[in-house]
PDB file of N, CA and C in Angstrom:
ATOM      1  N   MET A   1     -56.910 -12.512  -9.692  1.00  0.00           N
ATOM      2  CA  MET A   1     -57.823 -12.679  -8.570  1.00  0.00           C
ATOM      3  C   MET A   1     -57.391 -11.752  -7.433  1.00  0.00           C
ATOM      4  N   ILE A   2     -58.344 -11.117  -6.831  1.00  0.00           N
ATOM      5  CA  ILE A   2     -58.071 -10.194  -5.734  1.00  0.00           C
ATOM      6  C   ILE A   2     -57.808 -10.997  -4.461  1.00  0.00           C
ATOM      7  N   PRO A   3     -56.642 -10.808  -3.839  1.00  0.00           N
ATOM      8  CA  PRO A   3     -56.343 -11.553  -2.614  1.00  0.00           C
ATOM      9  C   PRO A   3     -57.201 -11.088  -1.445  1.00  0.00           C
ATOM     10  N   ASP A   4     -57.357 -11.971  -0.473  1.00  0.00           N
ATOM     11  CA  ASP A   4     -58.116 -11.581   0.719  1.00  0.00           C
ATOM     12  C   ASP A   4     -57.250 -10.681   1.606  1.00  0.00           C
ATOM     13  N   ALA A   5     -57.868 -10.093   2.602  1.00  0.00           N
ATOM     14  CA  ALA A   5     -57.178  -9.132   3.467  1.00  0.00           C
ATOM     15  C   ALA A   5     -56.003  -9.768   4.206  1.00  0.00           C
ATOM     16  N   GLN A   6     -56.145 -11.017   4.635  1.00  0.00           N
ATOM     17  CA  GLN A   6     -55.048 -11.678   5.355  1.00  0.00           C
ATOM     18  C   GLN A   6     -53.832 -11.858   4.464  1.00  0.00           C
ATOM     19  N   THR A   7     -54.057 -12.162   3.210  1.00  0.00           N
ATOM     20  CA  THR A   7     -52.956 -12.344   2.267  1.00  0.00           C
ATOM     21  C   THR A   7     -52.238 -11.018   2.010  1.00  0.00           C
ATOM     22  N   MET A   8     -52.976  -9.926   2.061  1.00  0.00           N
ATOM     23  CA  MET A   8     -52.389  -8.603   1.817  1.00  0.00           C
ATOM     24  C   MET A   8     -51.712  -8.006   3.044  1.00  0.00           C
ATOM     25  N   MET A   9     -51.972  -8.569   4.211  1.00  0.00           N
ATOM     26  CA  MET A   9     -51.481  -7.967   5.458  1.00  0.00           C
ATOM     27  C   MET A   9     -49.958  -7.815   5.504  1.00  0.00           C
ATOM     28  N   LEU A  10     -49.214  -8.878   5.265  1.00  0.00           N
ATOM     29  CA  LEU A  10     -47.754  -8.801   5.357  1.00  0.00           C
ATOM     30  C   LEU A  10     -47.169  -7.864   4.297  1.00  0.00           C
ATOM     31  N   PRO A  11     -47.578  -7.954   3.030  1.00  0.00           N
ATOM     32  CA  PRO A  11     -47.072  -6.990   2.048  1.00  0.00           C
ATOM     33  C   PRO A  11     -47.416  -5.539   2.431  1.00  0.00           C
ATOM     34  N   PHE A  12     -48.603  -5.333   3.002  1.00  0.00           N
ATOM     35  CA  PHE A  12     -49.008  -4.000   3.445  1.00  0.00           C
ATOM     36  C   PHE A  12     -48.060  -3.496   4.536  1.00  0.00           C
ATOM     37  N   LEU A  13     -47.779  -4.342   5.511  1.00  0.00           N
ATOM     38  CA  LEU A  13     -46.889  -3.948   6.605  1.00  0.00           C
ATOM     39  C   LEU A  13     -45.464  -3.691   6.105  1.00  0.00           C
ATOM     40  N   ARG A  14     -45.029  -4.476   5.140  1.00  0.00           N
ATOM     41  CA  ARG A  14     -43.694  -4.277   4.579  1.00  0.00           C
ATOM     42  C   ARG A  14     -43.566  -2.926   3.880  1.00  0.00           C
ATOM     43  N   LEU A  15     -44.667  -2.460   3.299  1.00  0.00           N
ATOM     44  CA  LEU A  15     -44.645  -1.139   2.666  1.00  0.00           C
ATOM     45  C   LEU A  15     -44.452  -0.031   3.708  1.00  0.00           C
ATOM     46  N   LEU A  16     -44.859  -0.290   4.917  1.00  0.00           N
ATOM     47  CA  LEU A  16     -44.762   0.709   5.986  1.00  0.00           C
ATOM     48  C   LEU A  16     -43.436   0.656   6.746  1.00  0.00           C
ATOM     49  N   GLU A  17     -42.621  -0.357   6.477  1.00  0.00           N
ATOM     50  CA  GLU A  17     -41.364  -0.548   7.209  1.00  0.00           C
ATOM     51  C   GLU A  17     -40.402   0.630   7.120  1.00  0.00           C
ATOM     52  N   ASP A  18     -40.499   1.401   6.048  1.00  0.00           N
ATOM     53  CA  ASP A  18     -39.548   2.500   5.887  1.00  0.00           C
ATOM     54  C   ASP A  18     -39.817   3.658   6.854  1.00  0.00           C
ATOM     55  N   GLY A  19     -40.950   3.604   7.554  1.00  0.00           N
ATOM     56  CA  GLY A  19     -41.259   4.621   8.550  1.00  0.00           C
ATOM     57  C   GLY A  19     -41.713   5.952   7.971  1.00  0.00           C
ATOM     58  N   LYS A  20     -41.807   6.055   6.660  1.00  0.00           N
ATOM     59  CA  LYS A  20     -42.246   7.291   6.026  1.00  0.00           C
ATOM     60  C   LYS A  20     -43.765   7.304   5.908  1.00  0.00           C
ATOM     61  N   PRO A  21     -44.347   8.496   5.828  1.00  0.00           N
ATOM     62  CA  PRO A  21     -45.797   8.560   5.630  1.00  0.00           C
ATOM     63  C   PRO A  21     -46.146   8.137   4.199  1.00  0.00           C
ATOM     64  N   HIS A  22     -47.255   7.433   4.066  1.00  0.00           N
ATOM     65  CA  HIS A  22     -47.740   6.979   2.767  1.00  0.00           C
ATOM     66  C   HIS A  22     -49.226   7.279   2.670  1.00  0.00           C
ATOM     67  N   THR A  23     -49.665   7.664   1.486  1.00  0.00           N
ATOM     68  CA  THR A  23     -51.096   7.861   1.283  1.00  0.00           C
ATOM     69  C   THR A  23     -51.741   6.506   1.031  1.00  0.00           C
ATOM     70  N   LYS A  24     -53.035   6.432   1.273  1.00  0.00           N
ATOM     71  CA  LYS A  24     -53.758   5.192   1.005  1.00  0.00           C
ATOM     72  C   LYS A  24     -53.686   4.866  -0.481  1.00  0.00           C
ATOM     73  N   THR A  25     -53.776   5.876  -1.317  1.00  0.00           N
ATOM     74  CA  THR A  25     -53.697   5.667  -2.763  1.00  0.00           C
ATOM     75  C   THR A  25     -52.362   5.050  -3.146  1.00  0.00           C
ATOM     76  N   GLU A  26     -51.289   5.575  -2.594  1.00  0.00           N
ATOM     77  CA  GLU A  26     -49.949   5.045  -2.869  1.00  0.00           C
ATOM     78  C   GLU A  26     -49.843   3.578  -2.445  1.00  0.00           C
ATOM     79  N   LEU A  27     -50.335   3.268  -1.259  1.00  0.00           N
ATOM     80  CA  LEU A  27     -50.282   1.903  -0.758  1.00  0.00           C
ATOM     81  C   LEU A  27     -51.120   0.963  -1.624  1.00  0.00           C
ATOM     82  N   MET A  28     -52.295   1.423  -2.009  1.00  0.00           N
ATOM     83  CA  MET A  28     -53.164   0.596  -2.847  1.00  0.00           C
ATOM     84  C   MET A  28     -52.535   0.347  -4.211  1.00  0.00           C
ATOM     85  N   GLU A  29     -51.928   1.360  -4.799  1.00  0.00           N
ATOM     86  CA  GLU A  29     -51.278   1.193  -6.097  1.00  0.00           C
ATOM     87  C   GLU A  29     -50.141   0.186  -6.009  1.00  0.00           C
ATOM     88  N   GLU A  30     -49.357   0.267  -4.961  1.00  0.00           N
ATOM     89  CA  GLU A  30     -48.229  -0.643  -4.795  1.00  0.00           C
ATOM     90  C   GLU A  30     -48.709  -2.075  -4.546  1.00  0.00           C
ATOM     91  N   LEU A  31     -49.737  -2.242  -3.733  1.00  0.00           N
ATOM     92  CA  LEU A  31     -50.279  -3.580  -3.484  1.00  0.00           C
ATOM     93  C   LEU A  31     -50.856  -4.179  -4.767  1.00  0.00           C
ATOM     94  N   ALA A  32     -51.564  -3.377  -5.522  1.00  0.00           N
ATOM     95  CA  ALA A  32     -52.129  -3.858  -6.791  1.00  0.00           C
ATOM     96  C   ALA A  32     -51.013  -4.317  -7.719  1.00  0.00           C
ATOM     97  N   LYS A  33     -49.932  -3.563  -7.745  1.00  0.00           N
ATOM     98  CA  LYS A  33     -48.781  -3.910  -8.578  1.00  0.00           C
ATOM     99  C   LYS A  33     -48.144  -5.218  -8.089  1.00  0.00           C
ATOM    100  N   GLN A  34     -47.940  -5.328  -6.788  1.00  0.00           N
ATOM    101  CA  GLN A  34     -47.315  -6.529  -6.220  1.00  0.00           C
ATOM    102  C   GLN A  34     -48.127  -7.789  -6.501  1.00  0.00           C
ATOM    103  N   PHE A  35     -49.443  -7.656  -6.490  1.00  0.00           N
ATOM    104  CA  PHE A  35     -50.299  -8.813  -6.721  1.00  0.00           C
ATOM    105  C   PHE A  35     -50.688  -8.975  -8.188  1.00  0.00           C
ATOM    106  N   GLY A  36     -50.183  -8.097  -9.048  1.00  0.00           N
ATOM    107  CA  GLY A  36     -50.436  -8.204 -10.478  1.00  0.00           C
ATOM    108  C   GLY A  36     -51.889  -8.023 -10.859  1.00  0.00           C
ATOM    109  N   LEU A  37     -52.573  -7.117 -10.151  1.00  0.00           N
ATOM    110  CA  LEU A  37     -53.994  -6.898 -10.418  1.00  0.00           C
ATOM    111  C   LEU A  37     -54.190  -5.949 -11.605  1.00  0.00           C
ATOM    112  N   SER A  38     -55.162  -6.253 -12.398  1.00  0.00           N
ATOM    113  CA  SER A  38     -55.507  -5.387 -13.526  1.00  0.00           C
ATOM    114  C   SER A  38     -56.358  -4.219 -13.023  1.00  0.00           C
ATOM    115  N   ASP A  39     -56.503  -3.195 -13.858  1.00  0.00           N
ATOM    116  CA  ASP A  39     -57.372  -2.070 -13.500  1.00  0.00           C
ATOM    117  C   ASP A  39     -58.802  -2.554 -13.293  1.00  0.00           C
ATOM    118  N   GLU A  40     -59.201  -3.537 -14.083  1.00  0.00           N
ATOM    119  CA  GLU A  40     -60.547  -4.090 -13.957  1.00  0.00           C
ATOM    120  C   GLU A  40     -60.748  -4.729 -12.580  1.00  0.00           C
ATOM    121  N   GLU A  41     -59.749  -5.474 -12.124  1.00  0.00           N
ATOM    122  CA  GLU A  41     -59.854  -6.111 -10.808  1.00  0.00           C
ATOM    123  C   GLU A  41     -59.857  -5.067  -9.696  1.00  0.00           C
ATOM    124  N   VAL A  42     -58.989  -4.070  -9.799  1.00  0.00           N
ATOM    125  CA  VAL A  42     -58.911  -3.017  -8.775  1.00  0.00           C
ATOM    126  C   VAL A  42     -60.231  -2.252  -8.669  1.00  0.00           C
ATOM    127  N   ASN A  43     -60.927  -2.106  -9.783  1.00  0.00           N
ATOM    128  CA  ASN A  43     -62.163  -1.312  -9.806  1.00  0.00           C
ATOM    129  C   ASN A  43     -63.440  -2.141  -9.734  1.00  0.00           C
ATOM    130  N   MET A  44     -63.323  -3.444  -9.454  1.00  0.00           N
ATOM    131  CA  MET A  44     -64.490  -4.303  -9.373  1.00  0.00           C
ATOM    132  C   MET A  44     -65.332  -3.921  -8.151  1.00  0.00           C
ATOM    133  N   PRO A  45     -66.616  -3.638  -8.366  1.00  0.00           N
ATOM    134  CA  PRO A  45     -67.462  -3.229  -7.234  1.00  0.00           C
ATOM    135  C   PRO A  45     -67.817  -4.396  -6.321  1.00  0.00           C
ATOM    136  N   LEU A  46     -68.046  -4.062  -5.078  1.00  0.00           N
ATOM    137  CA  LEU A  46     -68.537  -5.057  -4.118  1.00  0.00           C
ATOM    138  C   LEU A  46     -69.934  -5.486  -4.560  1.00  0.00           C
ATOM    139  N   PRO A  47     -70.222  -6.778  -4.494  1.00  0.00           N
ATOM    140  CA  PRO A  47     -71.586  -7.214  -4.814  1.00  0.00           C
ATOM    141  C   PRO A  47     -72.574  -6.545  -3.850  1.00  0.00           C
ATOM    142  N   ASN A  48     -73.683  -6.176  -4.346  1.00  0.00           N
ATOM    143  CA  ASN A  48     -74.762  -5.569  -3.546  1.00  0.00           C
ATOM    144  C   ASN A  48     -74.406  -4.212  -2.952  1.00  0.00           C
ATOM    145  N   SER A  49     -73.318  -3.591  -3.429  1.00  0.00           N
ATOM    146  CA  SER A  49     -72.956  -2.273  -2.903  1.00  0.00           C
ATOM    147  C   SER A  49     -73.769  -1.197  -3.603  1.00  0.00           C
ATOM    148  N   LYS A  50     -74.473  -0.429  -2.819  1.00  0.00           N
ATOM    149  CA  LYS A  50     -75.270   0.669  -3.374  1.00  0.00           C
ATOM    150  C   LYS A  50     -74.466   1.958  -3.421  1.00  0.00           C
ATOM    151  N   THR A  51     -73.291   1.948  -2.807  1.00  0.00           N
ATOM    152  CA  THR A  51     -72.471   3.156  -2.752  1.00  0.00           C
ATOM    153  C   THR A  51     -71.305   3.108  -3.731  1.00  0.00           C
ATOM    154  N   GLY A  52     -71.155   2.018  -4.477  1.00  0.00           N
ATOM    155  CA  GLY A  52     -70.072   1.902  -5.442  1.00  0.00           C
ATOM    156  C   GLY A  52     -68.731   1.531  -4.845  1.00  0.00           C
ATOM    157  N   LYS A  53     -68.738   0.994  -3.640  1.00  0.00           N
ATOM    158  CA  LYS A  53     -67.476   0.590  -3.014  1.00  0.00           C
ATOM    159  C   LYS A  53     -66.838  -0.542  -3.818  1.00  0.00           C
ATOM    160  N   LYS A  54     -65.517  -0.568  -3.792  1.00  0.00           N
ATOM    161  CA  LYS A  54     -64.748  -1.542  -4.560  1.00  0.00           C
ATOM    162  C   LYS A  54     -64.238  -2.672  -3.660  1.00  0.00           C
ATOM    163  N   ILE A  55     -64.173  -3.879  -4.202  1.00  0.00           N
ATOM    164  CA  ILE A  55     -63.698  -5.046  -3.451  1.00  0.00           C
ATOM    165  C   ILE A  55     -62.267  -4.822  -2.963  1.00  0.00           C
ATOM    166  N   PHE A  56     -61.374  -4.406  -3.880  1.00  0.00           N
ATOM    167  CA  PHE A  56     -59.969  -4.227  -3.524  1.00  0.00           C
ATOM    168  C   PHE A  56     -59.816  -3.181  -2.423  1.00  0.00           C
ATOM    169  N   ASN A  57     -60.476  -2.054  -2.564  1.00  0.00           N
ATOM    170  CA  ASN A  57     -60.423  -0.992  -1.559  1.00  0.00           C
ATOM    171  C   ASN A  57     -60.891  -1.520  -0.207  1.00  0.00           C
ATOM    172  N   ASN A  58     -61.957  -2.295  -0.212  1.00  0.00           N
ATOM    173  CA  ASN A  58     -62.492  -2.855   1.016  1.00  0.00           C
ATOM    174  C   ASN A  58     -61.491  -3.799   1.680  1.00  0.00           C
ATOM    175  N   ARG A  59     -60.842  -4.621   0.891  1.00  0.00           N
ATOM    176  CA  ARG A  59     -59.878  -5.576   1.455  1.00  0.00           C
ATOM    177  C   ARG A  59     -58.629  -4.881   1.966  1.00  0.00           C
ATOM    178  N   VAL A  60     -58.167  -3.856   1.277  1.00  0.00           N
ATOM    179  CA  VAL A  60     -57.027  -3.086   1.771  1.00  0.00           C
ATOM    180  C   VAL A  60     -57.406  -2.416   3.093  1.00  0.00           C
ATOM    181  N   HIS A  61     -58.604  -1.900   3.163  1.00  0.00           N
ATOM    182  CA  HIS A  61     -59.089  -1.267   4.398  1.00  0.00           C
ATOM    183  C   HIS A  61     -58.986  -2.243   5.576  1.00  0.00           C
ATOM    184  N   TRP A  62     -59.343  -3.511   5.356  1.00  0.00           N
ATOM    185  CA  TRP A  62     -59.323  -4.489   6.430  1.00  0.00           C
ATOM    186  C   TRP A  62     -57.914  -4.904   6.836  1.00  0.00           C
ATOM    187  N   THR A  63     -56.913  -4.574   6.036  1.00  0.00           N
ATOM    188  CA  THR A  63     -55.525  -4.881   6.426  1.00  0.00           C
ATOM    189  C   THR A  63     -55.004  -3.891   7.465  1.00  0.00           C
ATOM    190  N   GLN A  64     -55.652  -2.752   7.576  1.00  0.00           N
ATOM    191  CA  GLN A  64     -55.150  -1.687   8.449  1.00  0.00           C
ATOM    192  C   GLN A  64     -55.489  -1.943   9.898  1.00  0.00           C
TER     193      GLN A  64
END
């Protein structure tokens, strides 16, 4: 199950603690790994999205 943005917030911030620059892709891959998400879950589209946006990507975006 894909966690909500609030659940991802602390793990997201912990990834940034090292003070090094990180790409969004790198952060998303690490969060997906930490939460044990499958490729199917990571690539699940938002309901009613006409642009193909993904649920996981959207929730990671809201953690920022």
